[in-house]
Amino acid sequence: MSVARVTKLTASSSKGFQDAVDAAVKRAAKTLRGITGIEVIKQKAKVSKGKIEEYRVTLEVTFILE
């Protein structure tokens, strides 16, 4: 039997939502072992002078506890 934990993360990127998700997963993988999945909970963007300046995502990372 395995037990999983879910952790909420927020990341940002000036390139796009996918880049922000990739950055969050890459960073999480440095300290969390056994990542099995993610769920993007929220997408937001910071707008300045009618242009998107920063893409932001909030996601949940699921990983198996050892």
PDB file of N, CA and C in Angstrom:
ATOM      1  N   MET A   1       0.841  -1.177   0.000  1.00  0.00           N
ATOM      2  CA  MET A   1       0.000   0.000   0.000  1.00  0.00           C
ATOM      3  C   MET A   1       0.885   1.239   0.000  1.00  0.00           C
ATOM      4  N   SER A   2       0.538   2.229  -0.797  1.00  0.00           N
ATOM      5  CA  SER A   2       1.315   3.462  -0.820  1.00  0.00           C
ATOM      6  C   SER A   2       0.451   4.632  -0.372  1.00  0.00           C
ATOM      7  N   VAL A   3       1.131   5.661   0.107  1.00  0.00           N
ATOM      8  CA  VAL A   3       0.468   6.876   0.554  1.00  0.00           C
ATOM      9  C   VAL A   3       1.049   8.035  -0.247  1.00  0.00           C
ATOM     10  N   ALA A   4       0.190   8.891  -0.752  1.00  0.00           N
ATOM     11  CA  ALA A   4       0.626  10.031  -1.556  1.00  0.00           C
ATOM     12  C   ALA A   4       0.358  11.331  -0.808  1.00  0.00           C
ATOM     13  N   ARG A   5       1.103  12.329  -1.183  1.00  0.00           N
ATOM     14  CA  ARG A   5       0.915  13.660  -0.633  1.00  0.00           C
ATOM     15  C   ARG A   5       0.726  14.623  -1.797  1.00  0.00           C
ATOM     16  N   VAL A   6      -0.056  15.670  -1.570  1.00  0.00           N
ATOM     17  CA  VAL A   6      -0.284  16.696  -2.584  1.00  0.00           C
ATOM     18  C   VAL A   6       0.216  18.022  -2.031  1.00  0.00           C
ATOM     19  N   THR A   7       1.049  18.698  -2.815  1.00  0.00           N
ATOM     20  CA  THR A   7       1.600  19.992  -2.423  1.00  0.00           C
ATOM     21  C   THR A   7       1.233  21.029  -3.471  1.00  0.00           C
ATOM     22  N   LYS A   8       0.823  22.201  -3.029  1.00  0.00           N
ATOM     23  CA  LYS A   8       0.444  23.277  -3.936  1.00  0.00           C
ATOM     24  C   LYS A   8       1.651  24.174  -4.206  1.00  0.00           C
ATOM     25  N   LEU A   9       1.882  24.501  -5.478  1.00  0.00           N
ATOM     26  CA  LEU A   9       2.991  25.354  -5.889  1.00  0.00           C
ATOM     27  C   LEU A   9       2.486  26.474  -6.788  1.00  0.00           C
ATOM     28  N   THR A  10       3.199  27.584  -6.788  1.00  0.00           N
ATOM     29  CA  THR A  10       2.926  28.687  -7.704  1.00  0.00           C
ATOM     30  C   THR A  10       4.225  29.038  -8.407  1.00  0.00           C
ATOM     31  N   ALA A  11       4.140  29.260  -9.721  1.00  0.00           N
ATOM     32  CA  ALA A  11       5.324  29.620 -10.506  1.00  0.00           C
ATOM     33  C   ALA A  11       4.930  30.658 -11.548  1.00  0.00           C
ATOM     34  N   SER A  12       5.933  31.345 -12.079  1.00  0.00           N
ATOM     35  CA  SER A  12       5.662  32.359 -13.095  1.00  0.00           C
ATOM     36  C   SER A  12       6.706  32.297 -14.205  1.00  0.00           C
ATOM     37  N   SER A  13       6.346  32.912 -15.333  1.00  0.00           N
ATOM     38  CA  SER A  13       7.234  32.962 -16.490  1.00  0.00           C
ATOM     39  C   SER A  13       6.865  34.170 -17.340  1.00  0.00           C
ATOM     40  N   SER A  14       7.835  34.705 -18.012  1.00  0.00           N
ATOM     41  CA  SER A  14       7.550  35.796 -18.951  1.00  0.00           C
ATOM     42  C   SER A  14       7.233  35.244 -20.341  1.00  0.00           C
ATOM     43  N   LYS A  15       7.406  33.928 -20.532  1.00  0.00           N
ATOM     44  CA  LYS A  15       7.224  33.307 -21.853  1.00  0.00           C
ATOM     45  C   LYS A  15       5.821  32.758 -22.092  1.00  0.00           C
ATOM     46  N   GLY A  16       5.235  32.109 -21.077  1.00  0.00           N
ATOM     47  CA  GLY A  16       3.911  31.527 -21.269  1.00  0.00           C
ATOM     48  C   GLY A  16       3.524  30.608 -20.129  1.00  0.00           C
ATOM     49  N   PHE A  17       2.274  30.154 -20.155  1.00  0.00           N
ATOM     50  CA  PHE A  17       1.774  29.284 -19.105  1.00  0.00           C
ATOM     51  C   PHE A  17       2.525  27.955 -19.060  1.00  0.00           C
ATOM     52  N   GLN A  18       2.771  27.358 -20.228  1.00  0.00           N
ATOM     53  CA  GLN A  18       3.474  26.076 -20.263  1.00  0.00           C
ATOM     54  C   GLN A  18       4.866  26.204 -19.661  1.00  0.00           C
ATOM     55  N   ASP A  19       5.542  27.293 -19.932  1.00  0.00           N
ATOM     56  CA  ASP A  19       6.879  27.513 -19.374  1.00  0.00           C
ATOM     57  C   ASP A  19       6.818  27.635 -17.853  1.00  0.00           C
ATOM     58  N   ALA A  20       5.775  28.273 -17.342  1.00  0.00           N
ATOM     59  CA  ALA A  20       5.604  28.392 -15.891  1.00  0.00           C
ATOM     60  C   ALA A  20       5.359  27.021 -15.258  1.00  0.00           C
ATOM     61  N   VAL A  21       4.553  26.187 -15.901  1.00  0.00           N
ATOM     62  CA  VAL A  21       4.303  24.829 -15.401  1.00  0.00           C
ATOM     63  C   VAL A  21       5.601  24.028 -15.413  1.00  0.00           C
ATOM     64  N   ASP A  22       6.331  24.103 -16.521  1.00  0.00           N
ATOM     65  CA  ASP A  22       7.603  23.378 -16.623  1.00  0.00           C
ATOM     66  C   ASP A  22       8.583  23.808 -15.535  1.00  0.00           C
ATOM     67  N   ALA A  23       8.639  25.105 -15.250  1.00  0.00           N
ATOM     68  CA  ALA A  23       9.535  25.622 -14.213  1.00  0.00           C
ATOM     69  C   ALA A  23       9.145  25.081 -12.837  1.00  0.00           C
ATOM     70  N   ALA A  24       7.846  25.022 -12.567  1.00  0.00           N
ATOM     71  CA  ALA A  24       7.374  24.517 -11.271  1.00  0.00           C
ATOM     72  C   ALA A  24       7.726  23.040 -11.094  1.00  0.00           C
ATOM     73  N   VAL A  25       7.508  22.245 -12.137  1.00  0.00           N
ATOM     74  CA  VAL A  25       7.798  20.810 -12.052  1.00  0.00           C
ATOM     75  C   VAL A  25       9.300  20.573 -11.936  1.00  0.00           C
ATOM     76  N   LYS A  26      10.071  21.311 -12.707  1.00  0.00           N
ATOM     77  CA  LYS A  26      11.535  21.168 -12.646  1.00  0.00           C
ATOM     78  C   LYS A  26      12.057  21.490 -11.245  1.00  0.00           C
ATOM     79  N   ARG A  27      11.544  22.553 -10.656  1.00  0.00           N
ATOM     80  CA  ARG A  27      11.983  22.943  -9.306  1.00  0.00           C
ATOM     81  C   ARG A  27      11.522  21.925  -8.269  1.00  0.00           C
ATOM     82  N   ALA A  28      10.288  21.459  -8.379  1.00  0.00           N
ATOM     83  CA  ALA A  28       9.755  20.475  -7.427  1.00  0.00           C
ATOM     84  C   ALA A  28      10.568  19.185  -7.476  1.00  0.00           C
ATOM     85  N   ALA A  29      10.989  18.788  -8.669  1.00  0.00           N
ATOM     86  CA  ALA A  29      11.736  17.536  -8.829  1.00  0.00           C
ATOM     87  C   ALA A  29      13.113  17.582  -8.165  1.00  0.00           C
ATOM     88  N   LYS A  30      13.607  18.771  -7.849  1.00  0.00           N
ATOM     89  CA  LYS A  30      14.898  18.881  -7.162  1.00  0.00           C
ATOM     90  C   LYS A  30      14.818  18.399  -5.718  1.00  0.00           C
ATOM     91  N   THR A  31      13.650  18.537  -5.095  1.00  0.00           N
ATOM     92  CA  THR A  31      13.536  18.179  -3.682  1.00  0.00           C
ATOM     93  C   THR A  31      12.483  17.115  -3.389  1.00  0.00           C
ATOM     94  N   LEU A  32      11.584  16.859  -4.324  1.00  0.00           N
ATOM     95  CA  LEU A  32      10.543  15.850  -4.110  1.00  0.00           C
ATOM     96  C   LEU A  32      10.839  14.625  -4.967  1.00  0.00           C
ATOM     97  N   ARG A  33      10.841  13.454  -4.335  1.00  0.00           N
ATOM     98  CA  ARG A  33      11.035  12.207  -5.070  1.00  0.00           C
ATOM     99  C   ARG A  33       9.678  11.542  -5.274  1.00  0.00           C
ATOM    100  N   GLY A  34       9.546  10.800  -6.337  1.00  0.00           N
ATOM    101  CA  GLY A  34       8.324  10.037  -6.568  1.00  0.00           C
ATOM    102  C   GLY A  34       7.151  10.844  -7.072  1.00  0.00           C
ATOM    103  N   ILE A  35       7.407  11.927  -7.811  1.00  0.00           N
ATOM    104  CA  ILE A  35       6.304  12.710  -8.368  1.00  0.00           C
ATOM    105  C   ILE A  35       5.555  11.844  -9.378  1.00  0.00           C
ATOM    106  N   THR A  36       4.238  11.776  -9.204  1.00  0.00           N
ATOM    107  CA  THR A  36       3.423  10.942 -10.096  1.00  0.00           C
ATOM    108  C   THR A  36       2.476  11.748 -10.969  1.00  0.00           C
ATOM    109  N   GLY A  37       2.255  13.008 -10.640  1.00  0.00           N
ATOM    110  CA  GLY A  37       1.342  13.801 -11.465  1.00  0.00           C
ATOM    111  C   GLY A  37       1.200  15.224 -10.973  1.00  0.00           C
ATOM    112  N   ILE A  38       0.580  16.042 -11.825  1.00  0.00           N
ATOM    113  CA  ILE A  38       0.279  17.424 -11.460  1.00  0.00           C
ATOM    114  C   ILE A  38      -1.135  17.760 -11.926  1.00  0.00           C
ATOM    115  N   GLU A  39      -1.717  18.768 -11.301  1.00  0.00           N
ATOM    116  CA  GLU A  39      -2.990  19.312 -11.752  1.00  0.00           C
ATOM    117  C   GLU A  39      -2.878  20.829 -11.692  1.00  0.00           C
ATOM    118  N   VAL A  40      -3.089  21.473 -12.824  1.00  0.00           N
ATOM    119  CA  VAL A  40      -3.059  22.939 -12.867  1.00  0.00           C
ATOM    120  C   VAL A  40      -4.391  23.426 -12.311  1.00  0.00           C
ATOM    121  N   ILE A  41      -4.320  24.184 -11.232  1.00  0.00           N
ATOM    122  CA  ILE A  41      -5.504  24.670 -10.534  1.00  0.00           C
ATOM    123  C   ILE A  41      -5.945  26.033 -11.059  1.00  0.00           C
ATOM    124  N   LYS A  42      -4.970  26.887 -11.333  1.00  0.00           N
ATOM    125  CA  LYS A  42      -5.305  28.263 -11.700  1.00  0.00           C
ATOM    126  C   LYS A  42      -4.255  28.819 -12.659  1.00  0.00           C
ATOM    127  N   GLN A  43      -4.707  29.625 -13.612  1.00  0.00           N
ATOM    128  CA  GLN A  43      -3.817  30.358 -14.503  1.00  0.00           C
ATOM    129  C   GLN A  43      -4.187  31.827 -14.408  1.00  0.00           C
ATOM    130  N   LYS A  44      -3.172  32.682 -14.256  1.00  0.00           N
ATOM    131  CA  LYS A  44      -3.382  34.121 -14.178  1.00  0.00           C
ATOM    132  C   LYS A  44      -2.305  34.792 -15.008  1.00  0.00           C
ATOM    133  N   ALA A  45      -2.511  36.053 -15.317  1.00  0.00           N
ATOM    134  CA  ALA A  45      -1.484  36.805 -16.027  1.00  0.00           C
ATOM    135  C   ALA A  45      -1.455  38.233 -15.495  1.00  0.00           C
ATOM    136  N   LYS A  46      -0.251  38.777 -15.428  1.00  0.00           N
ATOM    137  CA  LYS A  46      -0.076  40.175 -15.051  1.00  0.00           C
ATOM    138  C   LYS A  46      -0.021  40.985 -16.342  1.00  0.00           C
ATOM    139  N   VAL A  47      -0.875  42.002 -16.429  1.00  0.00           N
ATOM    140  CA  VAL A  47      -0.971  42.809 -17.638  1.00  0.00           C
ATOM    141  C   VAL A  47      -0.510  44.227 -17.345  1.00  0.00           C
ATOM    142  N   SER A  48       0.275  44.774 -18.259  1.00  0.00           N
ATOM    143  CA  SER A  48       0.746  46.144 -18.136  1.00  0.00           C
ATOM    144  C   SER A  48       0.677  46.803 -19.512  1.00  0.00           C
ATOM    145  N   LYS A  49       0.008  47.920 -19.570  1.00  0.00           N
ATOM    146  CA  LYS A  49      -0.150  48.683 -20.818  1.00  0.00           C
ATOM    147  C   LYS A  49      -0.731  47.831 -21.945  1.00  0.00           C
ATOM    148  N   GLY A  50      -1.705  47.006 -21.598  1.00  0.00           N
ATOM    149  CA  GLY A  50      -2.396  46.194 -22.580  1.00  0.00           C
ATOM    150  C   GLY A  50      -1.630  44.983 -23.073  1.00  0.00           C
ATOM    151  N   LYS A  51      -0.528  44.642 -22.421  1.00  0.00           N
ATOM    152  CA  LYS A  51       0.286  43.508 -22.845  1.00  0.00           C
ATOM    153  C   LYS A  51       0.562  42.594 -21.652  1.00  0.00           C
ATOM    154  N   ILE A  52       0.546  41.277 -21.898  1.00  0.00           N
ATOM    155  CA  ILE A  52       0.854  40.333 -20.821  1.00  0.00           C
ATOM    156  C   ILE A  52       2.332  40.440 -20.486  1.00  0.00           C
ATOM    157  N   GLU A  53       2.575  40.701 -19.219  1.00  0.00           N
ATOM    158  CA  GLU A  53       3.942  40.879 -18.728  1.00  0.00           C
ATOM    159  C   GLU A  53       4.473  39.604 -18.064  1.00  0.00           C
ATOM    160  N   GLU A  54       3.567  38.865 -17.401  1.00  0.00           N
ATOM    161  CA  GLU A  54       3.985  37.672 -16.672  1.00  0.00           C
ATOM    162  C   GLU A  54       2.833  36.679 -16.605  1.00  0.00           C
ATOM    163  N   TYR A  55       3.136  35.411 -16.881  1.00  0.00           N
ATOM    164  CA  TYR A  55       2.171  34.325 -16.794  1.00  0.00           C
ATOM    165  C   TYR A  55       2.379  33.620 -15.460  1.00  0.00           C
ATOM    166  N   ARG A  56       1.277  33.327 -14.762  1.00  0.00           N
ATOM    167  CA  ARG A  56       1.376  32.695 -13.443  1.00  0.00           C
ATOM    168  C   ARG A  56       0.471  31.465 -13.389  1.00  0.00           C
ATOM    169  N   VAL A  57       0.973  30.411 -12.774  1.00  0.00           N
ATOM    170  CA  VAL A  57       0.179  29.194 -12.592  1.00  0.00           C
ATOM    171  C   VAL A  57       0.248  28.737 -11.141  1.00  0.00           C
ATOM    172  N   THR A  58      -0.838  28.160 -10.694  1.00  0.00           N
ATOM    173  CA  THR A  58      -0.871  27.475  -9.407  1.00  0.00           C
ATOM    174  C   THR A  58      -1.211  26.029  -9.730  1.00  0.00           C
ATOM    175  N   LEU A  59      -0.415  25.118  -9.191  1.00  0.00           N
ATOM    176  CA  LEU A  59      -0.646  23.708  -9.471  1.00  0.00           C
ATOM    177  C   LEU A  59      -0.434  22.863  -8.238  1.00  0.00           C
ATOM    178  N   GLU A  60      -1.010  21.669  -8.277  1.00  0.00           N
ATOM    179  CA  GLU A  60      -0.820  20.701  -7.210  1.00  0.00           C
ATOM    180  C   GLU A  60       0.047  19.573  -7.745  1.00  0.00           C
ATOM    181  N   VAL A  61       1.068  19.224  -6.981  1.00  0.00           N
ATOM    182  CA  VAL A  61       1.981  18.158  -7.340  1.00  0.00           C
ATOM    183  C   VAL A  61       1.702  16.969  -6.422  1.00  0.00           C
ATOM    184  N   THR A  62       1.510  15.803  -6.996  1.00  0.00           N
ATOM    185  CA  THR A  62       1.268  14.588  -6.218  1.00  0.00           C
ATOM    186  C   THR A  62       2.522  13.743  -6.249  1.00  0.00           C
ATOM    187  N   PHE A  63       2.933  13.271  -5.057  1.00  0.00           N
ATOM    188  CA  PHE A  63       4.100  12.402  -4.986  1.00  0.00           C
ATOM    189  C   PHE A  63       3.878  11.344  -3.917  1.00  0.00           C
ATOM    190  N   ILE A  64       4.533  10.203  -4.113  1.00  0.00           N
ATOM    191  CA  ILE A  64       4.411   9.062  -3.198  1.00  0.00           C
ATOM    192  C   ILE A  64       5.376   9.212  -2.041  1.00  0.00           C
ATOM    193  N   LEU A  65       4.884   9.021  -0.831  1.00  0.00           N
ATOM    194  CA  LEU A  65       5.751   9.078   0.357  1.00  0.00           C
ATOM    195  C   LEU A  65       6.522   7.771   0.494  1.00  0.00           C
ATOM    196  N   GLU A  66       7.760   7.896   0.854  1.00  0.00           N
ATOM    197  CA  GLU A  66       8.611   6.701   1.034  1.00  0.00           C
ATOM    198  C   GLU A  66       8.389   6.086   2.397  1.00  0.00           C
TER     199      GLU A  66
END
